[in-house]
Amino acid sequence: MGKSLAYAAVVIVLGAVLLIAWNMTLGHRGEVERALFGDDSSLESALDRADESGRPVFVLVEALWCPNCAVLKKNGLANKDSIQAIVENTEAARLDLTQRELQFDDTAMLDRLDVSVVPTMVLLDSGREVSRLVGVQDSETIVRWIESRGKADVSESDKQTSVR
């Protein structure tokens, strides 16, 4: 019985450590998401805000089960320079493939954006795609891409896709 109790104590301690680590990760992710997207991260709201502000829309397409999405958010997007560039130069939106079945409007948007790989970041201007970055990106790349409005990376044919 002594060994069983010791094993139970080890399991409880390990469980507590994992729970604390998980909560710290979620808390950090929540802070980044609040900084980037505010209270409303829907694409439709970002498009409406962009109509008023004249700024492009930054769209992050991600999924909770995606390890590269977690790396992008932790390294590329959590950096203060990335957050500042996105918040000051765009209207930000987030589409979560994990919640796809719950968000009918976002499902239609995903189909129009033709996203097949996550993470994907898309810049829209007047509802039309200007540029996209696919996969994990560092903060410097994201900042340069946002500040140039993605124009250096786009061919004319790419600009024909519209989400409205």
Protein backbone atom coordinates (compact mmCIF):
# COMPACT_ATOMS: atom_id res chain seq x y z
CA MET A 1 0.00 0.00 0.00
CA GLY A 2 2.95 2.34 0.60
CA LYS A 3 4.10 2.04 -3.02
CA SER A 4 0.58 2.71 -4.31
CA LEU A 5 0.36 5.85 -2.21
CA ALA A 6 3.75 7.04 -3.47
CA TYR A 7 2.71 6.46 -7.09
CA ALA A 8 -0.54 8.30 -6.50
CA ALA A 9 1.36 11.24 -5.00
CA VAL A 10 3.72 11.35 -8.01
CA VAL A 11 0.77 11.27 -10.42
CA ILE A 12 -0.97 14.07 -8.54
CA VAL A 13 2.15 16.24 -8.48
CA LEU A 14 2.82 15.65 -12.20
CA GLY A 15 -0.80 16.38 -12.98
CA ALA A 16 -0.64 19.64 -11.03
CA VAL A 17 2.57 20.68 -12.84
CA LEU A 18 1.00 19.92 -16.23
CA LEU A 19 -2.16 21.80 -15.30
CA ILE A 20 -0.17 24.86 -14.23
CA ALA A 21 1.91 24.77 -17.43
CA TRP A 22 -1.24 24.39 -19.56
CA ASN A 23 -2.95 27.33 -17.83
CA MET A 24 0.16 29.51 -18.25
CA THR A 25 0.21 28.71 -21.98
CA LEU A 26 -3.48 29.43 -22.39
CA GLY A 27 -3.19 32.61 -20.38
CA HIS A 28 -0.35 33.86 -22.57
CA ARG A 29 -2.25 32.94 -25.72
CA GLY A 30 -5.31 34.73 -24.40
CA GLU A 31 -3.28 37.90 -23.79
CA VAL A 32 -1.88 37.83 -27.32
CA GLU A 33 -5.32 37.23 -28.81
CA ARG A 34 -6.84 40.08 -26.80
CA ALA A 35 -4.03 42.41 -27.86
CA LEU A 36 -4.40 41.49 -31.53
CA PHE A 37 -8.13 41.00 -31.94
CA GLY A 38 -9.81 42.82 -29.06
CA ASP A 39 -13.32 41.67 -28.14
CA ASP A 40 -14.51 40.80 -31.66
CA SER A 41 -12.26 38.67 -33.83
CA SER A 42 -14.80 37.87 -36.57
CA LEU A 43 -13.87 38.50 -40.17
CA GLU A 44 -17.19 40.17 -40.92
CA SER A 45 -16.62 42.73 -38.13
CA ALA A 46 -13.05 43.36 -39.29
CA LEU A 47 -14.29 43.96 -42.84
CA ASP A 48 -16.87 46.43 -41.51
CA ARG A 49 -14.22 48.24 -39.45
CA ALA A 50 -11.92 48.33 -42.50
CA ASP A 51 -14.66 49.96 -44.57
CA GLU A 52 -14.71 52.78 -42.02
CA SER A 53 -10.95 53.06 -41.36
CA GLY A 54 -9.60 52.40 -44.85
CA ARG A 55 -7.05 49.98 -43.40
CA PRO A 56 -6.48 46.46 -44.74
CA VAL A 57 -7.76 43.41 -42.87
CA PHE A 58 -5.28 40.99 -41.31
CA VAL A 59 -6.75 37.48 -41.11
CA LEU A 60 -5.15 34.72 -39.06
CA VAL A 61 -6.47 31.27 -40.00
CA GLU A 62 -5.51 28.73 -37.35
CA ALA A 63 -6.62 25.67 -35.40
CA LEU A 64 -6.14 24.62 -31.79
CA TRP A 65 -4.81 21.20 -32.88
CA CYS A 66 -2.13 22.81 -35.08
CA PRO A 67 1.36 22.81 -33.50
CA ASN A 68 2.70 25.30 -36.08
CA CYS A 69 -0.12 27.70 -35.17
CA ALA A 70 0.99 27.58 -31.54
CA VAL A 71 4.60 28.26 -32.57
CA LEU A 72 3.54 31.19 -34.79
CA LYS A 73 1.48 32.71 -31.99
CA LYS A 74 4.16 32.18 -29.37
CA ASN A 75 7.13 33.40 -31.44
CA GLY A 76 6.00 35.48 -34.42
CA LEU A 77 2.78 37.06 -33.23
CA ALA A 78 3.47 37.45 -29.50
CA ASN A 79 6.33 39.85 -30.16
CA LYS A 80 5.45 43.45 -29.27
CA ASP A 81 6.60 44.68 -32.70
CA SER A 82 4.26 42.26 -34.48
CA ILE A 83 1.36 43.18 -32.23
CA GLN A 84 2.00 46.89 -32.74
CA ALA A 85 2.28 46.56 -36.53
CA ILE A 86 -0.95 44.56 -36.77
CA VAL A 87 -2.96 46.73 -34.36
CA GLU A 88 -1.78 50.07 -35.80
CA ASN A 89 -1.95 49.16 -39.50
CA THR A 90 -4.82 46.71 -39.91
CA GLU A 91 -8.20 45.56 -38.71
CA ALA A 92 -7.49 42.08 -37.34
CA ALA A 93 -9.63 38.96 -37.60
CA ARG A 94 -9.18 35.35 -36.59
CA LEU A 95 -10.72 32.26 -38.19
CA ASP A 96 -10.39 29.12 -36.09
CA LEU A 97 -10.78 25.87 -38.02
CA THR A 98 -11.41 24.12 -34.73
CA GLN A 99 -14.67 26.05 -34.41
CA ARG A 100 -15.53 25.86 -38.11
CA GLU A 101 -18.78 23.95 -37.64
CA LEU A 102 -19.98 26.56 -35.16
CA GLN A 103 -19.37 29.63 -37.33
CA PHE A 104 -21.42 29.43 -40.53
CA ASP A 105 -20.40 32.88 -41.80
CA ASP A 106 -16.73 32.11 -41.19
CA THR A 107 -17.08 28.81 -43.09
CA ALA A 108 -18.22 30.71 -46.17
CA MET A 109 -15.32 33.11 -45.74
CA LEU A 110 -12.83 30.23 -45.44
CA ASP A 111 -14.15 28.77 -48.67
CA ARG A 112 -13.71 32.11 -50.46
CA LEU A 113 -10.21 32.56 -49.03
CA ASP A 114 -9.30 29.03 -50.21
CA VAL A 115 -7.15 28.27 -47.17
CA SER A 116 -5.84 24.71 -47.15
CA VAL A 117 -2.88 25.02 -44.74
CA VAL A 118 -2.70 26.44 -41.24
CA PRO A 119 -1.42 28.73 -40.05
CA THR A 120 -2.16 31.15 -42.86
CA MET A 121 -2.15 34.93 -42.58
CA VAL A 122 -4.03 36.87 -45.25
CA LEU A 123 -4.13 40.60 -45.98
CA LEU A 124 -7.32 41.90 -47.55
CA ASP A 125 -7.79 45.35 -49.03
CA SER A 126 -11.35 46.39 -49.91
CA GLY A 127 -12.37 42.79 -49.35
CA ARG A 128 -9.86 41.44 -51.90
CA GLU A 129 -6.81 39.39 -51.08
CA VAL A 130 -3.59 41.34 -51.42
CA SER A 131 -1.15 38.79 -50.03
CA ARG A 132 -0.76 35.78 -47.77
CA LEU A 133 1.90 34.22 -45.60
CA VAL A 134 1.68 30.49 -44.96
CA GLY A 135 3.31 28.64 -42.11
CA VAL A 136 5.42 29.79 -39.19
CA GLN A 137 6.92 33.26 -39.69
CA ASP A 138 9.21 35.30 -37.49
CA SER A 139 8.25 38.69 -36.12
CA GLU A 140 10.49 40.65 -38.51
CA THR A 141 8.87 39.03 -41.55
CA ILE A 142 5.38 39.71 -40.22
CA VAL A 143 6.17 43.36 -39.46
CA ARG A 144 7.71 43.94 -42.92
CA TRP A 145 4.76 42.22 -44.58
CA ILE A 146 2.18 44.27 -42.64
CA GLU A 147 3.98 47.58 -43.08
CA SER A 148 4.34 47.04 -46.84
CA ARG A 149 0.65 46.03 -46.96
CA GLY A 150 1.87 42.78 -48.50
CA LYS A 151 2.35 44.37 -51.88
CA ALA A 152 5.86 43.07 -52.48
CA ASP A 153 4.63 39.46 -52.40
CA VAL A 154 1.58 39.57 -54.70
CA SER A 155 1.01 39.01 -58.38
CA GLU A 156 -1.91 40.65 -60.19
CA SER A 157 -3.82 37.36 -60.47
CA ASP A 158 -3.79 36.94 -56.69
CA LYS A 159 -5.64 40.22 -56.23
CA GLN A 160 -8.82 38.89 -57.87
CA THR A 161 -9.96 36.81 -54.89
CA SER A 162 -12.67 38.60 -52.91
CA VAL A 163 -14.38 37.66 -49.67
CA ARG A 164 -17.36 39.96 -50.22
